[in-house]
Amino acid sequence: METENLDWEKAKKHFDFIRQVYLDLEGFSGVNTSFALDFVFKPLAVRYNNGERTQELFEEMMNVE
């Protein structure tokens, strides 16, 4: 798959939605999402915001749950 054919808007929308779910869960007693936010979401966001547009990043953003 060529990277220019990847739907980056869809990947970003999915990534942001799932990240927000984790952020929303932070307020619940006994729920700790900081590991996922710091070690999964943050590095992916940094790569995306730095302009990386690789197939690997696309797949990682689409596979967050």
N, C-alpha and C. Protein backbone atom coordinates (compact mmCIF):
# COMPACT_ATOMS: atom_id res chain seq x y z
N MET A 1 0.85 -1.18 0.00
CA MET A 1 0.00 0.00 0.00
C MET A 1 0.89 1.24 0.00
N GLU A 2 0.62 2.14 -0.91
CA GLU A 2 1.39 3.39 -0.96
C GLU A 2 0.83 4.37 0.06
N THR A 3 1.73 5.13 0.67
CA THR A 3 1.29 6.02 1.75
C THR A 3 0.39 7.14 1.27
N GLU A 4 0.51 7.57 0.01
CA GLU A 4 -0.35 8.66 -0.46
C GLU A 4 -1.80 8.21 -0.64
N ASN A 5 -2.03 6.90 -0.64
CA ASN A 5 -3.39 6.38 -0.78
C ASN A 5 -4.05 6.10 0.57
N LEU A 6 -3.35 6.38 1.66
CA LEU A 6 -3.91 6.15 2.98
C LEU A 6 -4.82 7.31 3.39
N ASP A 7 -5.89 7.00 4.07
CA ASP A 7 -6.86 8.00 4.50
C ASP A 7 -6.45 8.55 5.87
N TRP A 8 -5.56 9.54 5.83
CA TRP A 8 -5.03 10.11 7.06
C TRP A 8 -6.10 10.83 7.88
N GLU A 9 -7.07 11.40 7.23
CA GLU A 9 -8.15 12.07 7.96
C GLU A 9 -8.92 11.04 8.80
N LYS A 10 -9.17 9.89 8.22
CA LYS A 10 -9.87 8.82 8.94
C LYS A 10 -9.02 8.32 10.11
N ALA A 11 -7.72 8.13 9.88
CA ALA A 11 -6.82 7.66 10.94
C ALA A 11 -6.78 8.66 12.09
N LYS A 12 -6.67 9.94 11.78
CA LYS A 12 -6.59 10.98 12.81
C LYS A 12 -7.91 11.05 13.59
N LYS A 13 -9.01 10.95 12.90
CA LYS A 13 -10.32 11.00 13.56
C LYS A 13 -10.48 9.82 14.52
N HIS A 14 -10.12 8.63 14.07
CA HIS A 14 -10.20 7.44 14.92
C HIS A 14 -9.28 7.58 16.13
N PHE A 15 -8.05 7.97 15.87
CA PHE A 15 -7.06 8.15 16.94
C PHE A 15 -7.54 9.15 17.98
N ASP A 16 -8.02 10.29 17.54
CA ASP A 16 -8.49 11.33 18.46
C ASP A 16 -9.70 10.87 19.26
N PHE A 17 -10.60 10.13 18.62
CA PHE A 17 -11.79 9.63 19.32
C PHE A 17 -11.40 8.67 20.44
N ILE A 18 -10.53 7.71 20.13
CA ILE A 18 -10.13 6.72 21.13
C ILE A 18 -9.32 7.39 22.24
N ARG A 19 -8.46 8.33 21.88
CA ARG A 19 -7.68 9.06 22.88
C ARG A 19 -8.62 9.80 23.84
N GLN A 20 -9.67 10.40 23.30
CA GLN A 20 -10.63 11.11 24.14
C GLN A 20 -11.36 10.16 25.09
N VAL A 21 -11.64 8.96 24.64
CA VAL A 21 -12.26 7.96 25.51
C VAL A 21 -11.36 7.70 26.72
N TYR A 22 -10.06 7.54 26.46
CA TYR A 22 -9.11 7.33 27.56
C TYR A 22 -9.05 8.55 28.48
N LEU A 23 -9.06 9.73 27.90
CA LEU A 23 -9.04 10.95 28.72
C LEU A 23 -10.30 11.04 29.59
N ASP A 24 -11.44 10.69 29.03
CA ASP A 24 -12.69 10.73 29.77
C ASP A 24 -12.71 9.73 30.92
N LEU A 25 -12.02 8.61 30.77
CA LEU A 25 -11.99 7.58 31.81
C LEU A 25 -11.13 7.98 33.00
N GLU A 26 -10.25 8.96 32.82
CA GLU A 26 -9.35 9.36 33.90
C GLU A 26 -10.08 9.82 35.16
N GLY A 27 -11.26 10.33 35.03
CA GLY A 27 -12.00 10.86 36.17
C GLY A 27 -12.65 9.81 37.04
N PHE A 28 -12.65 8.56 36.61
CA PHE A 28 -13.32 7.51 37.37
C PHE A 28 -12.38 6.93 38.42
N SER A 29 -12.94 6.67 39.57
CA SER A 29 -12.17 6.09 40.67
C SER A 29 -11.63 4.72 40.28
N GLY A 30 -10.34 4.51 40.54
CA GLY A 30 -9.72 3.22 40.27
C GLY A 30 -9.29 3.01 38.83
N VAL A 31 -9.48 4.00 37.98
CA VAL A 31 -9.10 3.88 36.58
C VAL A 31 -7.85 4.71 36.34
N ASN A 32 -6.82 4.07 35.83
CA ASN A 32 -5.57 4.76 35.53
C ASN A 32 -5.24 4.56 34.06
N THR A 33 -5.39 5.62 33.30
CA THR A 33 -5.12 5.55 31.86
C THR A 33 -3.81 6.23 31.50
N SER A 34 -3.07 6.69 32.48
CA SER A 34 -1.85 7.44 32.19
C SER A 34 -0.82 6.62 31.43
N PHE A 35 -0.72 5.33 31.71
CA PHE A 35 0.24 4.49 30.99
C PHE A 35 -0.07 4.49 29.50
N ALA A 36 -1.32 4.23 29.16
CA ALA A 36 -1.71 4.20 27.75
C ALA A 36 -1.53 5.57 27.10
N LEU A 37 -1.92 6.61 27.81
CA LEU A 37 -1.79 7.96 27.25
C LEU A 37 -0.33 8.35 27.04
N ASP A 38 0.52 8.02 28.00
CA ASP A 38 1.93 8.41 27.93
C ASP A 38 2.77 7.55 27.00
N PHE A 39 2.47 6.25 26.95
CA PHE A 39 3.34 5.34 26.22
C PHE A 39 2.77 4.82 24.91
N VAL A 40 1.51 5.08 24.66
CA VAL A 40 0.90 4.69 23.37
C VAL A 40 0.47 5.93 22.59
N PHE A 41 -0.42 6.70 23.16
CA PHE A 41 -1.00 7.82 22.42
C PHE A 41 -0.02 8.97 22.19
N LYS A 42 0.72 9.34 23.22
CA LYS A 42 1.62 10.49 23.09
C LYS A 42 2.69 10.27 22.00
N PRO A 43 3.39 9.14 21.99
CA PRO A 43 4.40 8.95 20.92
C PRO A 43 3.79 8.94 19.51
N LEU A 44 2.62 8.36 19.37
CA LEU A 44 1.97 8.36 18.06
C LEU A 44 1.59 9.78 17.65
N ALA A 45 1.07 10.54 18.59
CA ALA A 45 0.69 11.93 18.29
C ALA A 45 1.91 12.76 17.91
N VAL A 46 3.02 12.55 18.61
CA VAL A 46 4.25 13.29 18.29
C VAL A 46 4.70 12.96 16.87
N ARG A 47 4.70 11.70 16.54
CA ARG A 47 5.12 11.29 15.18
C ARG A 47 4.21 11.93 14.13
N TYR A 48 2.90 11.87 14.36
CA TYR A 48 1.95 12.45 13.42
C TYR A 48 2.15 13.96 13.31
N ASN A 49 2.25 14.64 14.44
CA ASN A 49 2.40 16.09 14.45
C ASN A 49 3.73 16.56 13.86
N ASN A 50 4.73 15.69 13.86
CA ASN A 50 6.01 16.01 13.25
C ASN A 50 6.02 15.75 11.74
N GLY A 51 4.88 15.32 11.21
CA GLY A 51 4.74 15.16 9.77
C GLY A 51 4.98 13.76 9.23
N GLU A 52 5.20 12.80 10.11
CA GLU A 52 5.39 11.43 9.63
C GLU A 52 4.10 10.92 9.00
N ARG A 53 4.23 10.34 7.84
CA ARG A 53 3.08 9.74 7.16
C ARG A 53 3.52 8.42 6.54
N THR A 54 3.78 7.45 7.41
CA THR A 54 4.21 6.14 6.96
C THR A 54 3.07 5.15 7.12
N GLN A 55 3.17 4.04 6.42
CA GLN A 55 2.16 3.00 6.56
C GLN A 55 2.16 2.45 7.98
N GLU A 56 3.33 2.34 8.58
CA GLU A 56 3.44 1.85 9.95
C GLU A 56 2.66 2.75 10.92
N LEU A 57 2.84 4.06 10.81
CA LEU A 57 2.13 4.99 11.69
C LEU A 57 0.63 4.91 11.43
N PHE A 58 0.24 4.86 10.18
CA PHE A 58 -1.18 4.76 9.84
C PHE A 58 -1.81 3.55 10.52
N GLU A 59 -1.16 2.40 10.39
CA GLU A 59 -1.70 1.17 10.98
C GLU A 59 -1.74 1.25 12.49
N GLU A 60 -0.72 1.84 13.11
CA GLU A 60 -0.70 1.97 14.56
C GLU A 60 -1.82 2.90 15.05
N MET A 61 -2.06 3.98 14.31
CA MET A 61 -3.14 4.90 14.69
C MET A 61 -4.51 4.23 14.52
N MET A 62 -4.67 3.45 13.48
CA MET A 62 -5.95 2.79 13.23
C MET A 62 -6.20 1.62 14.19
N ASN A 63 -5.13 1.09 14.77
CA ASN A 63 -5.27 -0.08 15.65
C ASN A 63 -5.39 0.24 17.13
N VAL A 64 -5.35 1.52 17.51
CA VAL A 64 -5.52 1.82 18.93
C VAL A 64 -6.94 1.47 19.36
N GLU A 65 -7.04 0.90 20.54
CA GLU A 65 -8.35 0.51 21.08
C GLU A 65 -8.48 0.95 22.51
